[in-house]
Protein backbone atom coordinates (compact mmCIF):
# COMPACT_ATOMS: atom_id res chain seq x y z
CA MET A 1 63.59 112.78 96.37
CA LYS A 2 62.55 114.87 99.37
CA LEU A 3 63.10 115.11 103.11
CA TYR A 4 59.80 115.21 105.01
CA VAL A 5 59.86 116.72 108.50
CA SER A 6 56.99 116.37 111.00
CA TYR A 7 56.57 116.97 114.70
CA GLY A 8 54.39 115.27 117.28
CA ASN A 9 51.60 117.62 118.28
CA GLN A 10 50.87 116.82 121.93
CA VAL A 11 47.45 118.50 121.84
CA SER A 12 46.06 116.62 118.83
CA ASN A 13 48.23 113.50 119.31
CA GLN A 14 48.98 113.61 115.56
CA TRP A 15 52.07 114.13 113.41
CA GLU A 16 51.99 117.57 111.78
CA LYS A 17 54.13 118.42 108.78
CA ILE A 18 56.72 121.15 109.25
CA GLY A 19 57.98 121.01 105.70
CA GLU A 20 59.38 119.08 102.79
CA PHE A 21 62.74 119.83 101.24
CA GLU A 22 64.01 118.76 97.84
CA LEU A 23 67.32 116.89 97.66
CA ASN A 24 69.56 118.20 94.88
CA LEU A 25 72.06 116.50 92.62
CA LEU A 26 75.59 116.77 94.02
CA ILE A 27 77.66 118.69 91.50
CA ASN A 28 81.38 118.02 91.21
CA GLN A 29 83.01 121.47 91.23
CA ASP A 30 86.06 120.26 89.24
CA PHE A 31 83.97 118.53 86.56
CA ILE A 32 85.94 115.31 87.18
CA PRO A 33 83.77 112.21 87.04
CA ILE A 34 84.35 110.77 90.52
CA ILE A 35 81.44 108.38 90.33
CA GLU A 36 79.07 107.32 87.59
CA HIS A 37 75.94 107.32 89.74
CA GLU A 38 73.98 110.16 91.24
CA ILE A 39 74.25 111.41 94.78
CA LEU A 40 71.42 113.62 96.00
CA THR A 41 71.97 115.96 98.94
CA LEU A 42 70.33 118.47 101.23
CA ASN A 43 73.10 120.48 102.81
CA SER A 44 72.49 122.06 106.21
CA GLN A 45 68.81 123.00 105.92
CA GLU A 46 67.79 125.13 108.91
CA ILE A 47 64.49 124.18 110.53
CA ILE A 48 62.82 126.37 113.16
CA LEU A 49 60.45 124.29 115.26
CA SER A 50 57.18 125.41 116.85
CA ASN A 51 58.92 125.67 120.24
CA GLY A 52 61.60 128.01 118.81
CA GLU A 53 64.36 125.39 118.54
CA LYS A 54 66.67 125.69 115.55
CA LEU A 55 68.07 122.56 113.92
CA GLN A 56 70.42 122.04 110.98
CA ILE A 57 69.56 118.96 108.91
CA SER A 58 71.73 117.41 106.21
CA VAL A 59 70.85 114.41 104.05
CA SER A 60 72.69 112.43 101.39
CA TYR A 61 71.29 109.67 99.19
CA ALA A 62 73.29 107.48 96.78
CA THR A 63 71.20 106.00 93.98
CA ILE A 64 73.67 103.18 93.26
CA ASN A 65 72.89 101.30 96.48
CA ARG A 66 70.01 103.37 97.95
CA GLY A 67 72.33 104.36 100.81
CA ILE A 68 71.14 107.21 102.96
CA ASN A 69 72.64 109.37 105.71
CA ILE A 70 70.79 111.86 107.92
CA ILE A 71 72.53 114.31 110.25
CA VAL A 72 70.78 116.64 112.72
CA ILE A 73 72.72 119.35 114.57
CA SER A 74 71.56 121.64 117.38
CA ASP A 75 73.76 124.37 118.91
CA ASN A 76 76.82 122.98 117.09
CA LYS A 77 76.27 119.53 118.63
CA THR A 78 75.37 116.46 116.61
CA LEU A 79 72.07 115.01 117.83
CA ILE A 80 71.62 112.36 115.14
CA ASN A 81 74.00 110.86 112.59
CA VAL A 82 72.37 107.78 111.13
CA GLY A 83 72.98 105.84 107.96
CA GLY A 84 71.13 103.00 106.32
CA PHE A 85 69.64 101.73 103.10
CA LYS A 86 66.21 102.29 101.60
CA SER A 87 64.33 99.10 100.73
CA SER A 88 63.25 100.70 97.45
CA GLU A 89 63.60 104.03 95.68
CA THR A 90 59.96 104.92 96.36
CA SER A 91 59.78 103.89 100.03
CA TYR A 92 59.96 106.26 102.98
CA ASP A 93 62.30 104.09 105.02
CA PRO A 94 64.36 104.39 107.07
CA SER A 95 62.59 106.97 109.19
CA VAL A 96 64.18 108.73 112.16
CA ILE A 97 62.03 109.64 115.16
CA PHE A 98 63.64 111.34 118.13
CA LEU A 99 63.10 113.78 120.99
CA THR A 100 64.76 117.18 120.51
CA PRO A 101 66.71 118.76 123.39
CA GLN A 102 63.69 120.94 124.24
CA GLY A 103 61.28 117.99 124.26
CA LEU A 104 59.61 117.99 120.83
CA HIS A 105 59.13 114.66 119.02
CA LEU A 106 60.45 114.96 115.47
CA SER A 107 60.09 112.59 112.50
CA LEU A 108 62.37 112.64 109.44
CA MET A 109 61.70 110.56 106.31
CA VAL A 110 63.23 110.61 102.85
CA GLY A 111 61.21 109.47 99.85
CA ASN A 112 59.57 110.37 96.56
């Protein structure tokens, strides 16, 4: 499972990929089985946008119910904190599209 990040290029009027980031299995530090199902995470991935903005993005995905949470932080302020459920493991929904504080359109999707 990966996070796909794209921005809206105003010159070409197209989405351009910034990067894709692998979600990793959440490891229980105490080796105590808290849950039987996997949780995949991306913890505070820094993204530097083409306009110089820096964002911190975190994602969690629970395989048991396909629950997903996406958090975007800029300058220690939460811009986006959205949760939802994927319609299927292989889909790219839900997607988050928003305008950053410095005016760049950003798209975030999680999928295989």
